[in-house]
Protein backbone atom coordinates (compact mmCIF):
# COMPACT_ATOMS: atom_id res chain seq x y z
CA MET A 1 22.27 -22.26 19.71
CA PRO A 2 18.87 -21.35 21.28
CA GLU A 3 20.41 -21.83 24.74
CA MET A 4 22.64 -18.80 24.08
CA LEU A 5 19.71 -16.42 23.55
CA PHE A 6 18.34 -14.04 26.14
CA GLU A 7 14.74 -14.71 27.12
CA SER A 8 13.51 -11.66 25.17
CA GLN A 9 15.35 -12.89 22.06
CA HIS A 10 13.93 -16.36 22.53
CA LYS A 11 10.38 -14.93 22.66
CA GLN A 12 11.03 -13.01 19.45
CA SER A 13 12.29 -16.09 17.63
CA VAL A 14 9.16 -18.12 18.42
CA THR A 15 6.95 -17.93 15.35
CA ASN A 16 3.64 -16.23 15.85
CA PRO A 17 0.88 -18.77 15.11
CA LYS A 18 -1.20 -15.92 13.68
CA GLN A 19 1.54 -14.85 11.28
CA ILE A 20 0.84 -15.65 7.63
CA LYS A 21 3.37 -16.61 4.99
CA PRO A 22 4.63 -13.85 2.67
CA GLU A 23 3.28 -15.68 -0.39
CA LYS A 24 -0.20 -15.83 1.14
CA LYS A 25 0.02 -12.16 2.18
CA GLN A 26 0.96 -11.20 -1.39
CA GLU A 27 -1.95 -13.24 -2.78
CA LEU A 28 -4.39 -11.57 -0.38
CA HIS A 29 -3.01 -8.10 -1.14
CA GLU A 30 -3.46 -8.71 -4.88
CA ALA A 31 -7.06 -9.86 -4.29
CA ALA A 32 -7.75 -6.77 -2.14
CA ILE A 33 -6.30 -4.44 -4.79
CA ASP A 34 -8.34 -6.19 -7.48
CA CYS A 35 -11.42 -5.59 -5.30
CA ILE A 36 -10.52 -1.90 -5.00
CA ILE A 37 -10.18 -1.60 -8.79
CA THR A 38 -13.28 -3.64 -9.65
CA ASP A 39 -15.60 -2.00 -7.12
CA GLY A 40 -14.08 1.49 -7.19
CA ARG A 41 -13.42 1.32 -3.46
CA PRO A 42 -11.34 3.85 -1.49
CA PHE A 43 -7.65 2.94 -1.24
CA GLY A 44 -7.76 2.69 2.55
CA ASP A 45 -10.83 0.43 2.80
CA PHE A 46 -8.92 -2.65 3.93
CA ARG A 47 -7.39 -0.83 6.90
CA ARG A 48 -10.67 0.46 8.32
CA LEU A 49 -11.70 -0.96 11.68
CA GLY A 50 -14.68 -3.01 10.47
CA MET A 51 -12.80 -4.48 7.54
CA SER A 52 -9.76 -5.22 9.73
CA LYS A 53 -11.95 -7.15 12.18
CA PHE A 54 -13.55 -9.06 9.33
CA LEU A 55 -10.19 -9.93 7.78
CA ASN A 56 -8.88 -11.10 11.16
CA VAL A 57 -11.83 -13.51 11.45
CA ILE A 58 -11.42 -15.03 8.00
CA CYS A 59 -7.62 -14.97 7.98
CA PRO A 60 -6.07 -14.46 11.42
CA GLY A 61 -2.88 -12.43 11.25
CA TYR A 62 -3.63 -10.79 7.91
CA ARG A 63 -3.75 -7.01 7.73
CA GLY A 64 -5.06 -5.53 4.49
CA PRO A 65 -2.94 -3.28 2.27
CA GLY A 66 -2.59 0.37 3.27
CA ARG A 67 -3.20 3.36 1.03
CA LYS A 68 0.46 3.71 0.06
CA THR A 69 0.74 0.04 -0.88
CA VAL A 70 -2.40 0.29 -3.01
CA ARG A 71 -1.21 3.50 -4.67
CA ARG A 72 2.20 2.04 -5.44
CA ARG A 73 0.67 -1.15 -6.90
CA LEU A 74 -1.84 0.81 -8.99
CA GLY A 75 1.03 2.88 -10.39
CA THR A 76 2.83 -0.30 -11.39
CA LEU A 77 -0.33 -1.78 -12.93
CA TYR A 78 -0.94 1.44 -14.86
CA HIS A 79 2.55 1.41 -16.37
CA GLU A 80 2.21 -2.28 -17.25
CA TYR A 81 -1.15 -1.53 -18.93
CA ARG A 82 0.32 1.37 -20.92
CA GLN A 83 3.23 -0.83 -22.05
CA GLN A 84 0.88 -3.60 -23.19
CA LEU A 85 -1.43 -1.07 -24.82
CA GLY A 86 1.46 0.38 -26.82
CA GLU A 87 2.45 -3.09 -28.03
CA VAL A 88 -1.12 -3.92 -29.09
CA LEU A 89 -1.63 -0.58 -30.83
CA ALA A 90 1.63 -0.97 -32.75
CA SER A 91 0.17 -3.99 -34.55
CA ILE A 92 -3.18 -2.52 -35.62
CA PRO A 93 -3.69 -0.80 -38.98
CA ALA A 94 -6.52 1.56 -37.94
CA ILE A 95 -8.42 2.75 -34.90
CA ALA A 96 -11.60 4.75 -34.28
CA ILE A 97 -11.80 7.04 -31.25
CA THR A 98 -14.63 8.19 -29.01
CA VAL A 99 -14.16 11.15 -26.68
CA ASP A 100 -16.32 12.17 -23.76
CA ILE A 101 -16.08 14.96 -21.19
CA TRP A 102 -18.24 15.25 -18.10
CA THR A 103 -18.32 17.14 -14.84
CA LYS A 104 -19.14 15.78 -11.42
CA LYS A 105 -18.93 17.77 -8.20
CA LYS A 106 -17.23 20.65 -10.02
CA LYS A 107 -14.47 18.36 -11.37
CA SER A 108 -14.25 17.59 -15.08
CA PHE A 109 -12.95 14.40 -16.65
CA ILE A 110 -12.08 13.37 -20.18
CA CYS A 111 -11.95 9.86 -21.55
CA LEU A 112 -10.57 8.66 -24.88
CA THR A 113 -11.63 5.20 -25.96
CA GLY A 114 -10.17 3.42 -28.97
CA HIS A 115 -12.18 0.92 -30.98
CA VAL A 116 -10.40 -1.76 -32.96
CA PHE A 117 -11.71 -4.88 -34.68
CA ASN A 118 -10.50 -8.44 -34.28
CA LYS A 119 -10.41 -11.04 -37.09
CA LYS A 120 -14.10 -11.81 -36.53
CA PHE A 121 -14.88 -8.09 -36.98
CA GLU A 122 -15.94 -7.76 -33.35
CA SER A 123 -15.36 -4.31 -31.88
CA ILE A 124 -12.91 -4.23 -28.99
CA PRO A 125 -13.00 -1.05 -26.88
CA VAL A 126 -9.71 0.01 -25.31
CA VAL A 127 -9.29 2.87 -22.85
CA LEU A 128 -6.57 5.10 -24.29
CA GLY A 129 -6.69 7.89 -21.75
CA PHE A 130 -8.75 8.90 -18.76
CA ARG A 131 -7.81 12.03 -16.86
CA ARG A 132 -9.09 14.92 -14.88
CA PHE A 133 -9.64 17.75 -17.30
CA THR A 134 -8.51 21.08 -15.90
CA GLY A 135 -9.19 24.42 -17.50
CA SER A 136 -12.04 25.42 -19.72
CA HIS A 137 -13.72 23.04 -22.14
CA GLU A 138 -12.62 25.10 -25.13
CA SER A 139 -11.98 23.27 -28.38
CA GLU A 140 -8.27 24.14 -28.31
CA ASN A 141 -7.78 22.46 -24.90
CA ILE A 142 -9.75 19.39 -25.98
CA LYS A 143 -7.78 19.17 -29.23
CA LYS A 144 -4.45 19.47 -27.35
CA TYR A 145 -5.39 16.61 -25.02
CA ILE A 146 -6.55 14.32 -27.84
CA LEU A 147 -3.43 14.99 -29.93
CA TYR A 148 -1.20 14.55 -26.87
CA GLU A 149 -2.64 11.08 -26.16
CA LEU A 150 -2.59 10.00 -29.81
CA LYS A 151 1.06 11.06 -30.16
CA ARG A 152 2.00 9.46 -26.85
CA LEU A 153 0.55 6.15 -28.08
CA ASN A 154 2.01 6.66 -31.57
CA ILE A 155 -1.36 6.19 -33.28
CA GLN A 156 -1.93 9.67 -34.72
CA ASP A 157 -1.61 8.28 -38.28
CA LYS A 158 -3.88 5.29 -37.59
CA VAL A 159 -7.01 7.20 -36.55
CA CYS A 160 -9.79 6.69 -39.10
CA GLY A 161 -12.45 8.62 -37.20
CA ILE A 162 -13.30 10.40 -33.95
CA VAL A 163 -16.77 10.60 -32.45
CA GLY A 164 -17.88 12.83 -29.59
CA ASP A 165 -21.10 14.15 -28.19
CA ASN A 166 -22.95 17.09 -29.70
CA GLY A 167 -21.05 19.73 -27.70
CA SER A 168 -19.85 22.55 -29.94
CA ASP A 169 -16.31 22.55 -28.50
CA ILE A 170 -15.86 18.79 -28.94
CA LYS A 171 -17.20 18.96 -32.50
CA LYS A 172 -14.84 21.84 -33.32
CA ALA A 173 -11.83 20.03 -31.79
CA ILE A 174 -12.58 16.86 -33.78
CA ASN A 175 -13.03 18.80 -37.03
CA GLU A 176 -9.69 20.57 -36.50
CA ILE A 177 -7.88 17.27 -35.93
CA LYS A 178 -9.22 15.97 -39.26
CA PRO A 179 -9.12 12.25 -38.49
CA GLY A 180 -8.75 9.93 -41.42
CA GLU A 181 -6.54 12.31 -43.42
CA ARG A 182 -3.09 10.84 -43.74
């Protein structure tokens, strides 16, 4: 049936020798996103001019993932992680928590890390929550965030202890939560 095509249609149907297969593109996108996560790179790094030229040399026809693709994939990975985390935490009898708050460039962050033990009594740290912390660092706000994450993960009755730095508001929040009391 190629004889029935217009010349412009015929040119479109010829496969581009620089085109890569969808499976290969997906594999390269996953590797690029893993690089972004591992190295903390900006989401749009693989579309910058220098990187695009480099990618074209090593894999002609490949164009790195754009910001929206990276953001969408990270959202999916986050939800998968939270699902797996919930399943793992459902099977543990107890968990210890560390909490840390810090400020960088006038933006504050809070991180909750859970610590569980395997059968060899090796500590396994698990990130339970990591968010930008808005508002003041008052004990009530810290306490609300910690309780929110513990409830969300359904581990509020499994916490055997919480450790934070020596900040008065963190200490007060932890004391008000009363970990270990069931």
